Amino acid sequence: MTPPDTPPESVHEVKAALDARAGDALAKQKRQAALRIGIALVAFIALIVVVNALTAGDFFTAGNLTNVLRQITYNAILAVGQTFVIITAGIDLSVGSLIQLTGVVMAQFANASGLGGPVLVIATTIVGIAVGCCAGLVNALPVVRLNLPPFITTLAMMLMARGLAFKLSHGQPVPLKSDAFDALGTQYALHDLLAPFGVPGIPWAVLVMLTVVIVFAVVLTRTRFGRYVLALGGNEEAARLAGINVRLVKTFVYVISGGCAALAGMLLMARFSSGSPQTGVGSELQSIAAVVVGGTSLMGGRGSVVASFFGALLIGVLNNVMNLLNIESYTQDIVLGAVILLAVMTEEIRKRVFAR
């Protein structure tokens, strides 16, 4: 409440000063984010040039680049949801198991529904996303209501979802009876347009991934909800005092993560023409790695969907290059672990340098 003896002009001046300071802080944050993305893009292009030289030109071919994009599709979609969770200083360990559960549920629904064509694809996708979002809600409730650590609640969901997937499928893949999902799984868009350039087309799954990345990048950077997510991760108590419904925002980020896991599960089901309780194993760690490599802070308050996409792309490129160079899988794990550690160390050094 404004004291009676405070001139109205002073109140307006104070508000204007606070607004200006907030605007400057937001502009600085956007410049830093743009700088990080720009540096990552330049470094990535340099990496591509070096990699192509090491593989004697085998990397930079239309077929191989298409293969890389297809391979990162599922991890990139998971990383989008994981980014929202990690920005709020949380973590979601259940996404890999949700791929298993939603894949099995969607395959069983598709086989039993009696539908066909695009209607079957749409209905099955809705069912899978509903299951994933419900699981995300279950993840969120103990966190926002009982203040339990997200690590524990999502670990519990990981075990429950995995067990339920095996129980529903009796431990066996559930083959799809319909071929309505073949387009999403194996076919290409824009084939006639790109064929003259030696490009087979763009896999439909890649288009889905790019749509998810673009939509949620806009949500995080251009909407009120996105600003609330960043504010909550920066200082939860300050966000609460500012009137943000912290519980609701935190609930939605876990729901988004569950929905992204379900979408990845649908694309994997379409890819292999079956819902398997064995797909998605270790995907939660891959998605966290992509987010960390992309520069999102595990302490919360800072992150970018686009940067997480580049993180997933970098991991995919490294895996692809090591396969082209015939590097054994154990060595690949060592290299990937070193890259993650280097990314975290680089980000910490950057923060300390800019803090001076």
Foldseek 3Di string as FASTA:
>chain_A
DDDPPDDPVVVVVVVVVVVVVVVVVVVVQVVVLVVLVVVLVVVVVVVVVVLCVVLVNPCPDQVNVLVLLVVLLLLLLLLLLQLLLLQLLAAAPQLLLLLQQLQQVLQVCLQPVPDAAPVSLVVSLVVLLVVLLVLLLQLQCCCLPVVDHSVVSNVVNNVVSLVVSCVSVVQFWRAHPYLNLQQQAPNAPCQVVCVVVVHRHHRNSSVVSVVSLVVSLCVLPPDPLNVLSLVSLVPVVVSVVVPDPSSVSSSVSSSSSSSSSSSSSSSVCSNVRTRGSPGSVPSSVSSVLLQLLLPRDSSHNDGGSVSSSSSSSVLSSLVSSCVSVVPDPVVNVVVSVVSSVVSNVVSVVVVVVVVD
